[in-house]
Amino acid sequence: MKLSNILKDECIGVGLKFKDKTSVLKEIAQLAKKCSVLQEVEEDKIFTALQERENLISTGLGKGIAIPHCRLDNVKDFVVGVVTVPEGVNFDAIDGKKIRLFIFIIAPSKDSNQHIRLLSTISQLLRQSGFFENILSQQTPESISEKFLFHTRSDAEEEKEFSNKNLFHVFVQDENLFRDILQVFTGVISSSVVVVDSQNENAYLSKIPLFAGFWNDKLIDFSKIIVAVVDKKMTNEIVRNIDQITGGLDNSNQVLVTIQNLFYTAGALQL
């Protein structure tokens, strides 16, 4: 699924003002309704679904950004839109700051895998240097669409999948870094990913009487291994993203990345 195919110009609102969170969701429902994909869906139904998702937990990610999204029955395709709010609006963001950029998704209820990948892809876009400021500076839906797709040029030029694969093992001992790194892999359409619970060797050695005296400090209590099979063509991009998240892998003592060439792969995993 190409992001370039589901971002709709008619679903882009530029330089808007809102008094509260409810008015934002109503405007998003109105914009989404303009898309032909949702012509059979009532606007109130879209609004209600968005509101129910927000009641679960706010989609305000912080740093002025929110990704409101919902799933609807009888919807066959995804709809993505953008709303810019230069002055910002309170949206119960995790950092308490006003939201200035909304990227919303209306998704089919039966396609959770693609929905998760799309959320992850957008999340990665928002990490790109200059993306936030670039989108906010635009004055028309057309220019927002153009700039948005400029940052997804690798997606717009998506190549056919091929069989050459690499196997990633990413060992992570920090929960916050783990969440961000996992999103890197879930945003890659051609990847198969699993997470393995693990423990540092010290957790075992400390229980052996011979070695018990070596660890007086608190042992590391978070350890996960991300195992992923991805196309080789995505390897450099994934490594760059992880490097950015960690502030430099060469200086990290909480993340270890290994990559192996695979001779043969077949099949895939569901999310």
Protein backbone atom coordinates (compact mmCIF):
# COMPACT_ATOMS: atom_id res chain seq x y z
CA MET A 1 0.00 0.00 0.00
CA LYS A 2 1.51 3.31 -1.10
CA LEU A 3 0.94 6.30 1.15
CA SER A 4 0.93 8.41 -2.00
CA ASN A 5 -2.29 6.67 -3.09
CA ILE A 6 -4.30 7.31 0.07
CA LEU A 7 -3.43 10.90 0.99
CA LYS A 8 -6.39 12.85 -0.40
CA ASP A 9 -6.17 16.56 -1.31
CA GLU A 10 -9.84 17.00 -0.43
CA CYS A 11 -9.01 15.78 3.08
CA ILE A 12 -6.45 18.49 3.80
CA GLY A 13 -7.29 21.53 5.94
CA VAL A 14 -4.82 24.43 6.01
CA GLY A 15 -4.35 27.10 8.68
CA LEU A 16 -7.48 26.25 10.67
CA LYS A 17 -8.50 27.39 14.16
CA PHE A 18 -10.28 25.36 16.82
CA LYS A 19 -11.57 26.04 20.31
CA ASP A 20 -11.25 22.49 21.64
CA LYS A 21 -10.63 18.82 20.90
CA THR A 22 -14.24 18.06 19.96
CA SER A 23 -14.28 20.73 17.27
CA VAL A 24 -11.08 19.25 15.80
CA LEU A 25 -12.62 15.79 15.55
CA LYS A 26 -15.77 17.19 13.94
CA GLU A 27 -13.69 18.98 11.30
CA ILE A 28 -11.68 15.83 10.62
CA ALA A 29 -14.91 13.85 10.17
CA GLN A 30 -16.16 16.51 7.76
CA LEU A 31 -12.95 16.47 5.75
CA ALA A 32 -12.83 12.67 5.65
CA LYS A 33 -16.41 12.53 4.41
CA LYS A 34 -15.35 14.44 1.28
CA CYS A 35 -13.42 11.40 0.08
CA SER A 36 -15.30 9.08 -2.27
CA VAL A 37 -14.11 6.09 -0.24
CA LEU A 38 -16.39 7.24 2.59
CA GLN A 39 -19.37 8.39 0.55
CA GLU A 40 -21.59 5.67 2.04
CA VAL A 41 -20.52 6.45 5.62
CA GLU A 42 -22.34 9.04 7.71
CA GLU A 43 -20.26 11.93 8.99
CA ASP A 44 -21.56 11.40 12.54
CA LYS A 45 -20.38 7.80 12.43
CA ILE A 46 -16.85 8.92 11.54
CA PHE A 47 -16.88 11.50 14.33
CA THR A 48 -18.14 8.96 16.88
CA ALA A 49 -15.46 6.44 15.92
CA LEU A 50 -12.73 9.07 16.22
CA GLN A 51 -14.07 10.18 19.59
CA GLU A 52 -14.26 6.62 20.92
CA ARG A 53 -10.63 6.09 19.95
CA GLU A 54 -9.63 9.29 21.75
CA ASN A 55 -11.53 8.19 24.85
CA LEU A 56 -9.31 5.12 24.95
CA ILE A 57 -6.12 7.22 25.04
CA SER A 58 -5.20 10.48 23.33
CA THR A 59 -3.50 10.25 19.94
CA GLY A 60 -1.67 13.48 20.75
CA LEU A 61 1.92 12.27 20.50
CA GLY A 62 3.42 15.48 21.82
CA LYS A 63 5.75 18.05 20.24
CA GLY A 64 2.74 19.59 18.46
CA ILE A 65 1.71 16.42 16.61
CA ALA A 66 -1.34 14.13 16.74
CA ILE A 67 -2.46 11.17 14.64
CA PRO A 68 -6.22 10.74 15.19
CA HIS A 69 -7.40 7.48 13.69
CA CYS A 70 -10.28 5.03 13.78
CA ARG A 71 -11.57 1.84 12.19
CA LEU A 72 -14.96 1.49 10.50
CA ASP A 73 -16.99 -1.43 9.25
CA ASN A 74 -17.96 -1.49 5.57
CA VAL A 75 -14.98 0.68 4.57
CA LYS A 76 -12.87 -0.92 1.86
CA ASP A 77 -9.83 1.38 1.72
CA PHE A 78 -7.76 3.77 3.82
CA VAL A 79 -8.19 7.53 3.88
CA VAL A 80 -5.41 9.81 5.11
CA GLY A 81 -5.72 13.56 5.60
CA VAL A 82 -3.78 16.47 7.10
CA VAL A 83 -4.88 19.45 9.17
CA THR A 84 -2.59 22.34 10.14
CA VAL A 85 -3.39 24.59 13.10
CA PRO A 86 -0.70 27.29 13.32
CA GLU A 87 -1.90 28.64 16.68
CA GLY A 88 -2.33 25.15 18.12
CA VAL A 89 -5.21 23.61 20.06
CA ASN A 90 -5.41 21.65 23.30
CA PHE A 91 -5.76 17.94 22.48
CA ASP A 92 -4.77 16.14 25.71
CA ALA A 93 -1.31 15.47 24.29
CA ILE A 94 1.06 13.40 26.39
CA ASP A 95 3.34 16.40 26.94
CA GLY A 96 0.46 18.82 27.58
CA LYS A 97 1.43 21.04 24.65
CA LYS A 98 -0.95 22.31 21.97
CA ILE A 99 -1.22 20.37 18.72
CA ARG A 100 -0.38 22.18 15.49
CA LEU A 101 -0.25 19.29 13.01
CA PHE A 102 -2.85 16.54 12.66
CA ILE A 103 -2.43 13.56 10.33
CA PHE A 104 -5.58 11.46 10.46
CA ILE A 105 -6.42 7.96 9.26
CA ILE A 106 -9.81 6.36 8.59
CA ALA A 107 -9.23 2.63 8.20
CA PRO A 108 -11.16 -0.55 7.36
CA SER A 109 -11.95 -2.46 10.54
CA LYS A 110 -10.78 -5.76 9.03
CA ASP A 111 -7.29 -4.66 8.02
CA SER A 112 -5.39 -4.27 11.29
CA ASN A 113 -2.03 -5.24 9.79
CA GLN A 114 -2.04 -2.45 7.21
CA HIS A 115 -3.40 0.00 9.79
CA ILE A 116 -0.49 -0.70 12.14
CA ARG A 117 2.04 -0.41 9.32
CA LEU A 118 0.52 2.87 8.18
CA LEU A 119 0.69 4.30 11.70
CA SER A 120 4.31 3.26 11.93
CA THR A 121 5.15 4.71 8.50
CA ILE A 122 3.63 8.08 9.45
CA SER A 123 5.42 7.98 12.79
CA GLN A 124 8.72 7.54 10.95
CA LEU A 125 7.88 10.42 8.62
CA LEU A 126 7.36 12.67 11.63
CA ARG A 127 10.91 11.86 12.77
CA GLN A 128 12.43 13.24 9.59
CA SER A 129 14.32 16.46 10.11
CA GLY A 130 12.32 19.43 8.85
CA PHE A 131 9.13 17.49 8.08
CA PHE A 132 6.99 19.15 10.77
CA GLU A 133 8.10 22.70 9.90
CA ASN A 134 7.90 22.02 6.16
CA ILE A 135 4.27 20.91 6.31
CA LEU A 136 3.19 23.70 8.68
CA SER A 137 4.67 26.38 6.39
CA GLN A 138 2.48 25.42 3.43
CA GLN A 139 -0.53 27.55 2.49
CA THR A 140 -2.60 25.28 0.21
CA PRO A 141 -3.77 21.65 0.23
CA GLU A 142 -1.86 21.05 -3.00
CA SER A 143 1.44 22.28 -1.58
CA ILE A 144 0.95 20.24 1.60
CA SER A 145 0.31 17.16 -0.50
CA GLU A 146 3.39 17.86 -2.60
CA LYS A 147 5.67 18.37 0.41
CA PHE A 148 4.16 15.42 2.25
CA LEU A 149 4.86 13.11 -0.68
CA PHE A 150 8.34 14.58 -1.15
CA HIS A 151 9.22 13.16 2.25
CA THR A 152 7.78 9.79 1.20
CA ARG A 153 9.58 9.61 -2.14
CA SER A 154 10.93 6.16 -1.33
CA ASP A 155 7.34 5.04 -0.78
CA ALA A 156 6.16 6.72 -3.98
CA GLU A 157 8.90 4.92 -5.89
CA GLU A 158 8.23 1.58 -4.26
CA GLU A 159 9.87 -1.27 -6.10
CA LYS A 160 8.67 -4.81 -6.50
CA GLU A 161 9.64 -7.08 -3.67
CA PHE A 162 12.47 -9.49 -4.30
CA SER A 163 13.72 -12.53 -2.46
CA ASN A 164 17.04 -11.22 -1.10
CA LYS A 165 16.57 -10.83 2.64
CA ASN A 166 18.52 -9.85 5.73
CA LEU A 167 17.95 -11.04 9.27
CA PHE A 168 18.07 -8.38 11.98
CA HIS A 169 18.60 -9.06 15.67
CA VAL A 170 18.23 -5.92 17.76
CA PHE A 171 18.96 -6.35 21.47
CA VAL A 172 17.39 -3.55 23.52
CA GLN A 173 17.73 -2.83 27.24
CA ASP A 174 15.75 0.43 27.38
CA GLU A 175 11.95 0.36 27.19
CA ASN A 176 11.55 3.77 25.55
CA LEU A 177 14.16 3.00 22.89
CA PHE A 178 12.52 -0.39 22.31
CA ARG A 179 9.15 1.18 21.45
CA ASP A 180 10.68 3.58 18.95
CA ILE A 181 12.90 0.94 17.33
CA LEU A 182 10.01 -1.51 17.02
CA GLN A 183 8.07 1.13 15.06
CA VAL A 184 10.95 1.29 12.57
CA PHE A 185 10.36 -2.35 11.65
CA THR A 186 6.54 -2.31 11.76
CA GLY A 187 6.63 0.57 9.28
CA VAL A 188 8.42 -1.59 6.69
CA ILE A 189 5.83 -3.31 4.52
CA SER A 190 8.12 -6.16 3.47
CA SER A 191 9.24 -7.16 6.96
CA SER A 192 8.26 -10.01 9.28
CA VAL A 193 8.88 -9.17 12.91
CA VAL A 194 8.73 -10.93 16.28
CA VAL A 195 9.77 -9.79 19.75
CA VAL A 196 11.53 -12.15 22.13
CA ASP A 197 11.67 -11.61 25.90
CA SER A 198 15.20 -12.02 27.18
CA GLN A 199 17.46 -11.46 30.18
CA ASN A 200 21.01 -10.26 30.45
CA GLU A 201 23.51 -12.96 31.43
CA ASN A 202 24.00 -11.21 34.77
CA ALA A 203 20.45 -12.16 35.75
CA TYR A 204 21.49 -15.80 35.59
CA LEU A 205 25.03 -15.54 36.86
CA SER A 206 23.92 -13.59 39.93
CA LYS A 207 21.92 -16.64 41.03
CA ILE A 208 24.99 -18.88 40.92
CA PRO A 209 26.75 -18.85 44.31
CA LEU A 210 30.18 -18.59 42.72
CA PHE A 211 29.31 -15.30 41.02
CA ALA A 212 26.75 -13.86 43.45
CA GLY A 213 29.05 -11.22 44.91
CA PHE A 214 29.75 -9.47 41.63
CA TRP A 215 26.41 -7.66 41.26
CA ASN A 216 25.48 -5.49 44.18
CA ASP A 217 23.65 -2.92 42.04
CA LYS A 218 20.16 -3.39 40.64
CA LEU A 219 20.16 -5.73 37.68
CA ILE A 220 18.83 -4.65 34.30
CA ASP A 221 15.11 -5.42 34.40
CA PHE A 222 14.22 -4.75 30.74
CA SER A 223 15.60 -6.78 27.88
CA LYS A 224 13.98 -7.55 24.51
CA ILE A 225 15.18 -8.90 21.20
CA ILE A 226 13.56 -7.72 17.97
CA VAL A 227 13.98 -10.37 15.28
CA ALA A 228 13.08 -9.19 11.79
CA VAL A 229 13.39 -10.46 8.23
CA VAL A 230 13.51 -7.56 5.77
CA ASP A 231 14.41 -6.87 2.16
CA LYS A 232 18.08 -6.01 1.76
CA LYS A 233 17.15 -2.80 -0.01
CA MET A 234 15.68 -1.52 3.28
CA THR A 235 18.71 -2.38 5.43
CA ASN A 236 20.56 0.94 5.23
CA GLU A 237 17.41 2.96 5.93
CA ILE A 238 16.54 0.83 8.96
CA VAL A 239 20.06 1.15 10.37
CA ARG A 240 19.98 4.92 9.86
CA ASN A 241 16.66 5.19 11.70
CA ILE A 242 17.89 3.09 14.62
CA ASP A 243 21.11 5.10 14.73
CA GLN A 244 19.08 8.30 14.93
CA ILE A 245 16.85 6.96 17.72
CA THR A 246 19.81 5.85 19.85
CA GLY A 247 21.82 9.00 19.25
CA GLY A 248 24.51 6.90 17.60
CA LEU A 249 24.89 3.14 17.82
CA ASP A 250 28.65 3.39 18.25
CA ASN A 251 28.09 5.17 21.57
CA SER A 252 25.13 3.11 22.78
CA ASN A 253 25.39 0.59 25.62
CA GLN A 254 21.69 -0.28 25.62
CA VAL A 255 21.15 -1.32 22.00
CA LEU A 256 23.05 -3.89 19.93
CA VAL A 257 22.27 -4.52 16.25
CA THR A 258 23.38 -7.54 14.24
CA ILE A 259 22.55 -8.25 10.58
CA GLN A 260 22.95 -11.50 8.68
CA ASN A 261 22.49 -12.42 5.03
CA LEU A 262 19.86 -15.11 4.54
CA PHE A 263 20.37 -17.89 2.02
CA TYR A 264 16.71 -18.88 1.87
CA THR A 265 13.38 -17.55 3.18
CA ALA A 266 9.79 -18.52 2.53
CA GLY A 267 6.45 -17.58 4.09
CA ALA A 268 5.44 -14.61 6.22
CA LEU A 269 4.05 -13.78 9.66
CA GLN A 270 0.83 -12.01 10.61
CA LEU A 271 0.91 -9.08 13.04
